[in-house]
PDB file of N, CA and C in Angstrom:
ATOM      1  N   UNK A   1     -15.427 -55.701   4.977  1.00  0.00           N
ATOM      2  CA  UNK A   1     -16.480 -54.680   4.635  1.00  0.00           C
ATOM      3  C   UNK A   1     -15.761 -53.376   5.374  1.00  0.00           C
ATOM      4  N   UNK A   2     -16.020 -53.813   7.009  1.00  0.00           N
ATOM      5  CA  UNK A   2     -15.788 -52.703   7.693  1.00  0.00           C
ATOM      6  C   UNK A   2     -14.434 -52.795   8.906  1.00  0.00           C
ATOM      7  N   UNK A   3     -13.395 -53.736   8.206  1.00  0.00           N
ATOM      8  CA  UNK A   3     -12.481 -53.307   8.423  1.00  0.00           C
ATOM      9  C   UNK A   3     -11.499 -52.910   7.404  1.00  0.00           C
ATOM     10  N   UNK A   4     -10.529 -52.097   7.576  1.00  0.00           N
ATOM     11  CA  UNK A   4      -9.637 -50.999   6.809  1.00  0.00           C
ATOM     12  C   UNK A   4      -8.394 -52.121   6.528  1.00  0.00           C
ATOM     13  N   UNK A   5      -7.821 -51.752   5.555  1.00  0.00           N
ATOM     14  CA  UNK A   5      -6.731 -52.853   5.271  1.00  0.00           C
ATOM     15  C   UNK A   5      -5.268 -52.309   6.128  1.00  0.00           C
ATOM     16  N   UNK A   6      -4.472 -53.205   6.284  1.00  0.00           N
ATOM     17  CA  UNK A   6      -3.028 -52.815   7.463  1.00  0.00           C
ATOM     18  C   UNK A   6      -2.086 -52.217   6.592  1.00  0.00           C
ATOM     19  N   UNK A   7      -1.359 -51.257   6.725  1.00  0.00           N
ATOM     20  CA  UNK A   7      -0.278 -51.101   6.076  1.00  0.00           C
ATOM     21  C   UNK A   7       1.177 -51.550   6.637  1.00  0.00           C
ATOM     22  N   UNK A   8       1.946 -51.725   6.637  1.00  0.00           N
ATOM     23  CA  UNK A   8       3.442 -52.269   7.412  1.00  0.00           C
ATOM     24  C   UNK A   8       3.964 -50.566   7.161  1.00  0.00           C
ATOM     25  N   UNK A   9       4.487 -50.209   8.501  1.00  0.00           N
ATOM     26  CA  UNK A   9       5.155 -48.682   8.594  1.00  0.00           C
ATOM     27  C   UNK A   9       6.080 -49.319   8.939  1.00  0.00           C
ATOM     28  N   UNK A  10       6.781 -48.216   8.251  1.00  0.00           N
ATOM     29  CA  UNK A  10       8.403 -48.176   8.276  1.00  0.00           C
ATOM     30  C   UNK A  10       9.199 -48.084   9.550  1.00  0.00           C
ATOM     31  N   UNK A  11      10.258 -48.366   9.729  1.00  0.00           N
ATOM     32  CA  UNK A  11      10.847 -47.597  10.955  1.00  0.00           C
ATOM     33  C   UNK A  11      11.233 -46.545  10.655  1.00  0.00           C
ATOM     34  N   UNK A  12      10.921 -45.978  12.003  1.00  0.00           N
ATOM     35  CA  UNK A  12      11.317 -43.932  11.983  1.00  0.00           C
ATOM     36  C   UNK A  12      12.519 -43.415  11.591  1.00  0.00           C
ATOM     37  N   UNK A  13      12.650 -42.415  10.891  1.00  0.00           N
ATOM     38  CA  UNK A  13      14.044 -41.668  10.526  1.00  0.00           C
ATOM     39  C   UNK A  13      14.628 -41.177  11.759  1.00  0.00           C
ATOM     40  N   UNK A  14      15.747 -41.319  12.048  1.00  0.00           N
ATOM     41  CA  UNK A  14      17.252 -40.668  12.674  1.00  0.00           C
ATOM     42  C   UNK A  14      16.780 -39.379  12.925  1.00  0.00           C
ATOM     43  N   UNK A  15      16.760 -39.031  14.059  1.00  0.00           N
ATOM     44  CA  UNK A  15      15.921 -37.458  14.522  1.00  0.00           C
ATOM     45  C   UNK A  15      16.482 -36.230  14.422  1.00  0.00           C
ATOM     46  N   UNK A  16      18.043 -36.407  13.454  1.00  0.00           N
ATOM     47  CA  UNK A  16      18.983 -35.478  12.729  1.00  0.00           C
ATOM     48  C   UNK A  16      18.377 -35.372  11.940  1.00  0.00           C
ATOM     49  N   UNK A  17      18.142 -36.431  10.772  1.00  0.00           N
ATOM     50  CA  UNK A  17      17.327 -36.303   9.672  1.00  0.00           C
ATOM     51  C   UNK A  17      15.923 -35.884   9.271  1.00  0.00           C
ATOM     52  N   UNK A  18      15.366 -35.804  10.277  1.00  0.00           N
ATOM     53  CA  UNK A  18      13.997 -35.904  10.717  1.00  0.00           C
ATOM     54  C   UNK A  18      13.974 -33.892  10.411  1.00  0.00           C
ATOM     55  N   UNK A  19      14.486 -33.723  11.581  1.00  0.00           N
ATOM     56  CA  UNK A  19      14.505 -31.947  11.254  1.00  0.00           C
ATOM     57  C   UNK A  19      15.252 -31.472  10.446  1.00  0.00           C
ATOM     58  N   UNK A  20      16.336 -32.065   9.675  1.00  0.00           N
ATOM     59  CA  UNK A  20      16.691 -31.292   8.488  1.00  0.00           C
ATOM     60  C   UNK A  20      15.910 -31.057   7.462  1.00  0.00           C
ATOM     61  N   UNK A  21      15.210 -32.176   7.227  1.00  0.00           N
ATOM     62  CA  UNK A  21      13.841 -32.793   6.570  1.00  0.00           C
ATOM     63  C   UNK A  21      12.965 -31.577   6.654  1.00  0.00           C
ATOM     64  N   UNK A  22      12.491 -31.432   7.347  1.00  0.00           N
ATOM     65  CA  UNK A  22      11.144 -30.276   7.952  1.00  0.00           C
ATOM     66  C   UNK A  22      11.556 -28.870   7.810  1.00  0.00           C
ATOM     67  N   UNK A  23      12.595 -28.524   7.751  1.00  0.00           N
ATOM     68  CA  UNK A  23      13.347 -27.514   7.668  1.00  0.00           C
ATOM     69  C   UNK A  23      13.394 -26.926   6.516  1.00  0.00           C
ATOM     70  N   UNK A  24      13.949 -28.341   5.129  1.00  0.00           N
ATOM     71  CA  UNK A  24      14.044 -28.014   4.097  1.00  0.00           C
ATOM     72  C   UNK A  24      12.770 -27.725   3.422  1.00  0.00           C
ATOM     73  N   UNK A  25      11.762 -28.542   3.981  1.00  0.00           N
ATOM     74  CA  UNK A  25      10.204 -28.438   3.320  1.00  0.00           C
ATOM     75  C   UNK A  25       9.500 -27.174   3.620  1.00  0.00           C
ATOM     76  N   UNK A  26      10.254 -26.332   4.761  1.00  0.00           N
ATOM     77  CA  UNK A  26       9.807 -25.248   4.992  1.00  0.00           C
ATOM     78  C   UNK A  26      10.394 -24.183   4.136  1.00  0.00           C
ATOM     79  N   UNK A  27      11.460 -24.429   3.823  1.00  0.00           N
ATOM     80  CA  UNK A  27      12.341 -23.091   2.890  1.00  0.00           C
ATOM     81  C   UNK A  27      11.225 -22.355   1.807  1.00  0.00           C
ATOM     82  N   UNK A  28      10.858 -23.539   1.031  1.00  0.00           N
ATOM     83  CA  UNK A  28      10.072 -22.833  -0.409  1.00  0.00           C
ATOM     84  C   UNK A  28       8.967 -21.784   0.369  1.00  0.00           C
ATOM     85  N   UNK A  29       8.199 -22.053   1.448  1.00  0.00           N
ATOM     86  CA  UNK A  29       7.447 -21.199   1.715  1.00  0.00           C
ATOM     87  C   UNK A  29       7.825 -20.052   2.588  1.00  0.00           C
ATOM     88  N   UNK A  30       8.864 -20.029   3.149  1.00  0.00           N
ATOM     89  CA  UNK A  30       9.917 -19.005   3.511  1.00  0.00           C
ATOM     90  C   UNK A  30      10.303 -18.089   2.523  1.00  0.00           C
ATOM     91  N   UNK A  31      10.779 -18.847   1.078  1.00  0.00           N
ATOM     92  CA  UNK A  31      11.155 -18.122  -0.110  1.00  0.00           C
ATOM     93  C   UNK A  31      10.175 -17.215  -0.194  1.00  0.00           C
ATOM     94  N   UNK A  32       9.157 -17.891  -0.522  1.00  0.00           N
ATOM     95  CA  UNK A  32       7.783 -17.372  -0.825  1.00  0.00           C
ATOM     96  C   UNK A  32       7.610 -15.454  -0.140  1.00  0.00           C
ATOM     97  N   UNK A  33       7.422 -16.099   0.774  1.00  0.00           N
ATOM     98  CA  UNK A  33       7.075 -14.891   1.974  1.00  0.00           C
ATOM     99  C   UNK A  33       7.965 -13.766   1.579  1.00  0.00           C
ATOM    100  N   UNK A  34       9.501 -13.979   1.368  1.00  0.00           N
ATOM    101  CA  UNK A  34      10.580 -13.082   1.698  1.00  0.00           C
ATOM    102  C   UNK A  34      10.544 -12.391   0.081  1.00  0.00           C
ATOM    103  N   UNK A  35       9.763 -13.319  -1.162  1.00  0.00           N
ATOM    104  CA  UNK A  35       9.929 -12.402  -2.497  1.00  0.00           C
ATOM    105  C   UNK A  35       8.637 -11.738  -2.295  1.00  0.00           C
ATOM    106  N   UNK A  36       7.448 -12.037  -1.582  1.00  0.00           N
ATOM    107  CA  UNK A  36       6.132 -11.037  -1.640  1.00  0.00           C
ATOM    108  C   UNK A  36       6.756 -10.141  -0.707  1.00  0.00           C
ATOM    109  N   UNK A  37       7.275 -10.232  -0.040  1.00  0.00           N
ATOM    110  CA  UNK A  37       7.531  -8.855   0.841  1.00  0.00           C
ATOM    111  C   UNK A  37       8.645  -8.065  -0.049  1.00  0.00           C
ATOM    112  N   UNK A  38       9.097  -8.085  -0.473  1.00  0.00           N
ATOM    113  CA  UNK A  38      10.528  -7.302  -1.410  1.00  0.00           C
ATOM    114  C   UNK A  38       9.304  -7.023  -2.969  1.00  0.00           C
ATOM    115  N   UNK A  39       8.722  -7.502  -3.590  1.00  0.00           N
ATOM    116  CA  UNK A  39       8.054  -7.275  -4.536  1.00  0.00           C
ATOM    117  C   UNK A  39       6.196  -6.575  -4.241  1.00  0.00           C
ATOM    118  N   UNK A  40       5.809  -6.833  -3.060  1.00  0.00           N
ATOM    119  CA  UNK A  40       4.455  -6.446  -3.281  1.00  0.00           C
ATOM    120  C   UNK A  40       4.274  -5.126  -1.822  1.00  0.00           C
ATOM    121  N   UNK A  41       5.011  -5.916  -1.028  1.00  0.00           N
ATOM    122  CA  UNK A  41       4.593  -5.192   0.385  1.00  0.00           C
ATOM    123  C   UNK A  41       5.604  -3.782   0.629  1.00  0.00           C
ATOM    124  N   UNK A  42       6.429  -4.243   0.514  1.00  0.00           N
ATOM    125  CA  UNK A  42       7.486  -3.202   0.627  1.00  0.00           C
ATOM    126  C   UNK A  42       7.259  -1.796  -0.636  1.00  0.00           C
ATOM    127  N   UNK A  43       7.127  -1.737  -1.820  1.00  0.00           N
ATOM    128  CA  UNK A  43       6.476  -0.926  -2.553  1.00  0.00           C
ATOM    129  C   UNK A  43       5.811  -0.555  -2.078  1.00  0.00           C
ATOM    130  N   UNK A  44       4.401  -1.096  -1.533  1.00  0.00           N
ATOM    131  CA  UNK A  44       3.459  -0.218  -0.749  1.00  0.00           C
ATOM    132  C   UNK A  44       3.454   0.777  -0.261  1.00  0.00           C
ATOM    133  N   UNK A  45       4.409  -0.036   0.778  1.00  0.00           N
ATOM    134  CA  UNK A  45       4.749   1.210   2.216  1.00  0.00           C
ATOM    135  C   UNK A  45       5.164   2.365   1.634  1.00  0.00           C
ATOM    136  N   UNK A  46       6.017   2.177   0.554  1.00  0.00           N
ATOM    137  CA  UNK A  46       7.372   3.094   0.101  1.00  0.00           C
ATOM    138  C   UNK A  46       6.467   4.339  -0.469  1.00  0.00           C
ATOM    139  N   UNK A  47       5.253   4.169  -1.127  1.00  0.00           N
ATOM    140  CA  UNK A  47       4.248   4.680  -1.924  1.00  0.00           C
ATOM    141  C   UNK A  47       3.242   5.686  -0.903  1.00  0.00           C
ATOM    142  N   UNK A  48       2.740   4.685   0.257  1.00  0.00           N
ATOM    143  CA  UNK A  48       2.048   5.346   1.149  1.00  0.00           C
ATOM    144  C   UNK A  48       2.706   6.463   1.676  1.00  0.00           C
ATOM    145  N   UNK A  49       3.964   6.298   2.155  1.00  0.00           N
ATOM    146  CA  UNK A  49       4.824   7.381   2.972  1.00  0.00           C
ATOM    147  C   UNK A  49       5.064   8.520   2.057  1.00  0.00           C
ATOM    148  N   UNK A  50       4.988   7.894   0.698  1.00  0.00           N
ATOM    149  CA  UNK A  50       5.403   9.234  -0.674  1.00  0.00           C
ATOM    150  C   UNK A  50       4.199  10.466  -0.379  1.00  0.00           C
ATOM    151  N   UNK A  51       2.641   9.248  -0.507  1.00  0.00           N
ATOM    152  CA  UNK A  51       1.509  10.070  -0.790  1.00  0.00           C
ATOM    153  C   UNK A  51       1.450  10.698   0.555  1.00  0.00           C
ATOM    154  N   UNK A  52       1.935  10.382   1.785  1.00  0.00           N
ATOM    155  CA  UNK A  52       1.352  10.929   3.319  1.00  0.00           C
ATOM    156  C   UNK A  52       2.189  12.322   3.366  1.00  0.00           C
ATOM    157  N   UNK A  53       3.437  12.363   2.500  1.00  0.00           N
ATOM    158  CA  UNK A  53       4.367  13.730   2.686  1.00  0.00           C
ATOM    159  C   UNK A  53       3.861  14.414   2.000  1.00  0.00           C
ATOM    160  N   UNK A  54       3.359  14.186   0.653  1.00  0.00           N
ATOM    161  CA  UNK A  54       2.324  14.900  -0.009  1.00  0.00           C
ATOM    162  C   UNK A  54       1.647  15.940   0.794  1.00  0.00           C
ATOM    163  N   UNK A  55       1.170  15.341   1.097  1.00  0.00           N
ATOM    164  CA  UNK A  55      -0.047  15.561   1.316  1.00  0.00           C
ATOM    165  C   UNK A  55      -0.275  16.581   2.885  1.00  0.00           C
ATOM    166  N   UNK A  56       0.790  16.125   3.750  1.00  0.00           N
ATOM    167  CA  UNK A  56       1.201  17.338   4.462  1.00  0.00           C
ATOM    168  C   UNK A  56       2.110  17.674   4.490  1.00  0.00           C
ATOM    169  N   UNK A  57       2.297  18.443   2.878  1.00  0.00           N
ATOM    170  CA  UNK A  57       3.686  19.181   2.348  1.00  0.00           C
ATOM    171  C   UNK A  57       2.650  20.055   1.587  1.00  0.00           C
ATOM    172  N   UNK A  58       1.050  20.208   1.764  1.00  0.00           N
ATOM    173  CA  UNK A  58       0.162  20.832   0.840  1.00  0.00           C
ATOM    174  C   UNK A  58       0.236  22.357   1.327  1.00  0.00           C
ATOM    175  N   UNK A  59       0.343  23.403   0.544  1.00  0.00           N
ATOM    176  CA  UNK A  59       0.227  24.932   1.101  1.00  0.00           C
ATOM    177  C   UNK A  59      -0.930  25.584  -0.141  1.00  0.00           C
ATOM    178  N   UNK A  60      -1.061  26.990   1.021  1.00  0.00           N
ATOM    179  CA  UNK A  60      -2.014  27.795  -0.016  1.00  0.00           C
ATOM    180  C   UNK A  60      -1.470  28.186  -1.195  1.00  0.00           C
ATOM    181  N   UNK A  61      -2.072  28.308  -1.977  1.00  0.00           N
ATOM    182  CA  UNK A  61      -1.756  28.619  -3.655  1.00  0.00           C
ATOM    183  C   UNK A  61      -1.434  27.451  -4.157  1.00  0.00           C
ATOM    184  N   UNK A  62      -1.341  26.097  -3.609  1.00  0.00           N
ATOM    185  CA  UNK A  62      -0.755  25.054  -4.803  1.00  0.00           C
ATOM    186  C   UNK A  62      -1.967  24.352  -5.764  1.00  0.00           C
ATOM    187  N   UNK A  63      -1.637  23.954  -6.731  1.00  0.00           N
ATOM    188  CA  UNK A  63      -2.378  23.591  -7.628  1.00  0.00           C
ATOM    189  C   UNK A  63      -2.396  22.168  -7.440  1.00  0.00           C
ATOM    190  N   UNK A  64      -3.860  21.406  -7.280  1.00  0.00           N
ATOM    191  CA  UNK A  64      -3.365  20.204  -7.139  1.00  0.00           C
ATOM    192  C   UNK A  64      -4.443  19.262  -8.394  1.00  0.00           C
ATOM    193  N   UNK A  65      -4.744  18.379  -7.956  1.00  0.00           N
ATOM    194  CA  UNK A  65      -5.787  17.163  -9.143  1.00  0.00           C
ATOM    195  C   UNK A  65      -6.301  16.334  -7.675  1.00  0.00           C
ATOM    196  N   UNK A  66      -7.583  16.184  -7.856  1.00  0.00           N
ATOM    197  CA  UNK A  66      -8.437  15.503  -6.980  1.00  0.00           C
ATOM    198  C   UNK A  66      -8.480  13.917  -7.492  1.00  0.00           C
ATOM    199  N   UNK A  67      -9.265  13.539  -6.543  1.00  0.00           N
ATOM    200  CA  UNK A  67      -9.530  12.035  -6.932  1.00  0.00           C
ATOM    201  C   UNK A  67     -10.282  11.591  -8.104  1.00  0.00           C
ATOM    202  N   UNK A  68     -11.584  12.470  -7.674  1.00  0.00           N
ATOM    203  CA  UNK A  68     -12.930  12.528  -8.516  1.00  0.00           C
ATOM    204  C   UNK A  68     -12.135  13.366 -10.257  1.00  0.00           C
ATOM    205  N   UNK A  69     -10.942  14.002 -10.223  1.00  0.00           N
ATOM    206  CA  UNK A  69     -10.263  14.390 -11.188  1.00  0.00           C
ATOM    207  C   UNK A  69     -10.582  15.810 -11.850  1.00  0.00           C
ATOM    208  N   UNK A  70     -10.980  16.878 -10.374  1.00  0.00           N
ATOM    209  CA  UNK A  70     -11.148  17.902 -10.376  1.00  0.00           C
ATOM    210  C   UNK A  70      -9.820  18.684 -10.282  1.00  0.00           C
ATOM    211  N   UNK A  71      -9.578  19.636 -10.995  1.00  0.00           N
ATOM    212  CA  UNK A  71      -8.731  20.819 -10.748  1.00  0.00           C
ATOM    213  C   UNK A  71      -8.561  22.102 -10.130  1.00  0.00           C
ATOM    214  N   UNK A  72      -7.975  22.621  -9.435  1.00  0.00           N
ATOM    215  CA  UNK A  72      -7.938  23.575  -8.791  1.00  0.00           C
ATOM    216  C   UNK A  72      -6.647  23.973  -7.811  1.00  0.00           C
ATOM    217  N   UNK A  73      -6.856  25.315  -7.299  1.00  0.00           N
ATOM    218  CA  UNK A  73      -6.138  25.874  -6.304  1.00  0.00           C
ATOM    219  C   UNK A  73      -6.341  26.115  -5.137  1.00  0.00           C
ATOM    220  N   UNK A  74      -5.501  25.586  -4.234  1.00  0.00           N
ATOM    221  CA  UNK A  74      -5.826  25.569  -2.586  1.00  0.00           C
ATOM    222  C   UNK A  74      -6.062  26.893  -2.244  1.00  0.00           C
ATOM    223  N   UNK A  75      -7.083  27.606  -1.609  1.00  0.00           N
ATOM    224  CA  UNK A  75      -6.943  28.831  -0.877  1.00  0.00           C
ATOM    225  C   UNK A  75      -7.039  28.778   0.692  1.00  0.00           C
ATOM    226  N   UNK A  76      -7.294  27.759   1.131  1.00  0.00           N
ATOM    227  CA  UNK A  76      -7.657  27.534   2.559  1.00  0.00           C
ATOM    228  C   UNK A  76      -7.311  26.082   3.041  1.00  0.00           C
ATOM    229  N   UNK A  77      -6.481  25.904   4.102  1.00  0.00           N
ATOM    230  CA  UNK A  77      -6.149  24.808   4.743  1.00  0.00           C
ATOM    231  C   UNK A  77      -6.738  24.776   6.273  1.00  0.00           C
ATOM    232  N   UNK A  78      -6.781  23.401   6.397  1.00  0.00           N
ATOM    233  CA  UNK A  78      -7.627  22.655   7.978  1.00  0.00           C
ATOM    234  C   UNK A  78      -6.568  21.561   8.024  1.00  0.00           C
ATOM    235  N   UNK A  79      -6.941  21.002   9.405  1.00  0.00           N
ATOM    236  CA  UNK A  79      -6.094  19.520   9.729  1.00  0.00           C
ATOM    237  C   UNK A  79      -6.751  18.556   8.572  1.00  0.00           C
ATOM    238  N   UNK A  80      -8.327  18.419   8.653  1.00  0.00           N
ATOM    239  CA  UNK A  80      -8.325  17.600   7.597  1.00  0.00           C
ATOM    240  C   UNK A  80      -9.022  18.006   6.467  1.00  0.00           C
ATOM    241  N   UNK A  81      -9.372  18.718   6.106  1.00  0.00           N
ATOM    242  CA  UNK A  81     -10.071  19.706   4.614  1.00  0.00           C
ATOM    243  C   UNK A  81      -9.209  20.744   4.521  1.00  0.00           C
ATOM    244  N   UNK A  82      -9.520  20.822   2.909  1.00  0.00           N
ATOM    245  CA  UNK A  82      -9.078  22.154   2.307  1.00  0.00           C
ATOM    246  C   UNK A  82     -10.045  22.899   1.718  1.00  0.00           C
ATOM    247  N   UNK A  83     -10.353  24.578   1.135  1.00  0.00           N
ATOM    248  CA  UNK A  83     -11.072  24.986   0.511  1.00  0.00           C
ATOM    249  C   UNK A  83     -10.176  24.751  -1.139  1.00  0.00           C
ATOM    250  N   UNK A  84     -10.955  24.409  -1.956  1.00  0.00           N
ATOM    251  CA  UNK A  84     -10.689  24.385  -3.285  1.00  0.00           C
ATOM    252  C   UNK A  84     -11.023  25.431  -4.530  1.00  0.00           C
ATOM    253  N   UNK A  85     -10.591  26.716  -4.770  1.00  0.00           N
ATOM    254  CA  UNK A  85     -10.657  27.185  -6.002  1.00  0.00           C
ATOM    255  C   UNK A  85     -11.057  26.615  -7.047  1.00  0.00           C
ATOM    256  N   UNK A  86     -12.309  26.289  -7.961  1.00  0.00           N
ATOM    257  CA  UNK A  86     -12.455  25.482  -8.752  1.00  0.00           C
ATOM    258  C   UNK A  86     -12.637  26.404 -10.421  1.00  0.00           C
ATOM    259  N   UNK A  87     -12.654  27.582 -10.205  1.00  0.00           N
ATOM    260  CA  UNK A  87     -13.151  28.661 -10.673  1.00  0.00           C
ATOM    261  C   UNK A  87     -13.206  29.806 -10.122  1.00  0.00           C
ATOM    262  N   UNK A  88     -13.206  31.099 -10.711  1.00  0.00           N
ATOM    263  CA  UNK A  88     -13.258  32.488 -10.623  1.00  0.00           C
ATOM    264  C   UNK A  88     -14.549  32.319  -9.375  1.00  0.00           C
ATOM    265  N   UNK A  89     -14.131  33.021  -8.360  1.00  0.00           N
ATOM    266  CA  UNK A  89     -15.133  32.836  -7.249  1.00  0.00           C
ATOM    267  C   UNK A  89     -15.850  31.388  -6.727  1.00  0.00           C
ATOM    268  N   UNK A  90     -15.575  30.714  -6.938  1.00  0.00           N
ATOM    269  CA  UNK A  90     -16.369  29.466  -6.789  1.00  0.00           C
ATOM    270  C   UNK A  90     -15.193  28.132  -5.839  1.00  0.00           C
ATOM    271  N   UNK A  91     -15.508  28.206  -5.169  1.00  0.00           N
ATOM    272  CA  UNK A  91     -14.561  27.047  -3.460  1.00  0.00           C
ATOM    273  C   UNK A  91     -15.428  25.902  -3.254  1.00  0.00           C
ATOM    274  N   UNK A  92     -14.813  24.909  -3.489  1.00  0.00           N
ATOM    275  CA  UNK A  92     -15.366  23.315  -2.982  1.00  0.00           C
ATOM    276  C   UNK A  92     -14.719  23.135  -1.658  1.00  0.00           C
ATOM    277  N   UNK A  93     -14.932  22.604  -0.419  1.00  0.00           N
ATOM    278  CA  UNK A  93     -14.542  21.657   0.398  1.00  0.00           C
ATOM    279  C   UNK A  93     -13.898  20.564   0.016  1.00  0.00           C
ATOM    280  N   UNK A  94     -12.867  20.105   0.244  1.00  0.00           N
ATOM    281  CA  UNK A  94     -12.581  18.501   0.207  1.00  0.00           C
ATOM    282  C   UNK A  94     -11.746  18.509   0.867  1.00  0.00           C
ATOM    283  N   UNK A  95     -11.739  16.871   1.091  1.00  0.00           N
ATOM    284  CA  UNK A  95     -10.734  16.297   2.415  1.00  0.00           C
ATOM    285  C   UNK A  95      -9.495  16.223   1.577  1.00  0.00           C
ATOM    286  N   UNK A  96      -8.429  16.129   2.953  1.00  0.00           N
ATOM    287  CA  UNK A  96      -6.954  16.500   2.430  1.00  0.00           C
ATOM    288  C   UNK A  96      -7.019  15.260   1.497  1.00  0.00           C
ATOM    289  N   UNK A  97      -7.466  13.766   1.936  1.00  0.00           N
ATOM    290  CA  UNK A  97      -6.808  12.541   1.443  1.00  0.00           C
ATOM    291  C   UNK A  97      -7.525  12.391  -0.094  1.00  0.00           C
ATOM    292  N   UNK A  98      -8.350  13.116  -0.730  1.00  0.00           N
ATOM    293  CA  UNK A  98      -8.611  13.290  -1.948  1.00  0.00           C
ATOM    294  C   UNK A  98      -7.645  13.804  -2.926  1.00  0.00           C
ATOM    295  N   UNK A  99      -6.545  14.372  -2.539  1.00  0.00           N
ATOM    296  CA  UNK A  99      -5.727  14.933  -3.020  1.00  0.00           C
ATOM    297  C   UNK A  99      -4.811  13.984  -4.117  1.00  0.00           C
ATOM    298  N   UNK A 100      -4.312  13.732  -5.223  1.00  0.00           N
ATOM    299  CA  UNK A 100      -4.104  13.043  -5.804  1.00  0.00           C
ATOM    300  C   UNK A 100      -2.587  13.085  -6.128  1.00  0.00           C
ATOM    301  N   UNK A 101      -2.854  14.667  -6.825  1.00  0.00           N
ATOM    302  CA  UNK A 101      -1.066  14.997  -7.306  1.00  0.00           C
ATOM    303  C   UNK A 101      -1.444  16.294  -6.841  1.00  0.00           C
ATOM    304  N   UNK A 102      -0.200  16.960  -6.394  1.00  0.00           N
ATOM    305  CA  UNK A 102       0.444  18.313  -6.787  1.00  0.00           C
ATOM    306  C   UNK A 102       1.015  18.794  -8.408  1.00  0.00           C
ATOM    307  N   UNK A 103       0.003  19.871  -8.683  1.00  0.00           N
ATOM    308  CA  UNK A 103       0.588  20.278 -10.405  1.00  0.00           C
ATOM    309  C   UNK A 103       1.403  21.339  -9.873  1.00  0.00           C
ATOM    310  N   UNK A 104       2.980  21.772 -11.154  1.00  0.00           N
ATOM    311  CA  UNK A 104       3.567  22.273 -11.099  1.00  0.00           C
ATOM    312  C   UNK A 104       2.967  24.046 -11.293  1.00  0.00           C
ATOM    313  N   UNK A 105       3.350  25.151 -10.372  1.00  0.00           N
ATOM    314  CA  UNK A 105       2.747  26.328 -10.422  1.00  0.00           C
ATOM    315  C   UNK A 105       2.374  26.519 -12.055  1.00  0.00           C
ATOM    316  N   UNK A 106       1.371  27.629 -12.186  1.00  0.00           N
ATOM    317  CA  UNK A 106       1.208  27.900 -13.533  1.00  0.00           C
ATOM    318  C   UNK A 106       0.333  26.982 -14.472  1.00  0.00           C
ATOM    319  N   UNK A 107      -0.290  25.702 -13.960  1.00  0.00           N
ATOM    320  CA  UNK A 107      -0.977  24.819 -14.688  1.00  0.00           C
ATOM    321  C   UNK A 107      -2.136  25.287 -15.144  1.00  0.00           C
ATOM    322  N   UNK A 108      -2.591  25.519 -14.035  1.00  0.00           N
ATOM    323  CA  UNK A 108      -4.127  25.979 -14.275  1.00  0.00           C
ATOM    324  C   UNK A 108      -3.974  27.742 -14.246  1.00  0.00           C
ATOM    325  N   UNK A 109      -5.143  27.635 -15.453  1.00  0.00           N
ATOM    326  CA  UNK A 109      -4.955  29.218 -15.662  1.00  0.00           C
ATOM    327  C   UNK A 109      -6.362  29.595 -15.933  1.00  0.00           C
TER     328      UNK A 109
END
């Protein structure tokens, strides 16, 4: 009842074969990380670089779309914020990070 069953142990494998089998068992895990890097991480980093370049290139007079879907023309720029004219005489201040897309000139009338 309290005595566990005894199992016969096999002789240890040769040292060279053991190292090779452990490397072969790690290979699928390494391959999964490589595939994950090229399928998910690398494209995400590229997208972040594109967004940062777009935000850094904002200029006065650009027509943009915000995260909330508001359309407007940039009237003033500062380091972290910008003023957006959404209608004649109506300006709203937003953060630079809230810009999603820069529209072609003349889109907003």
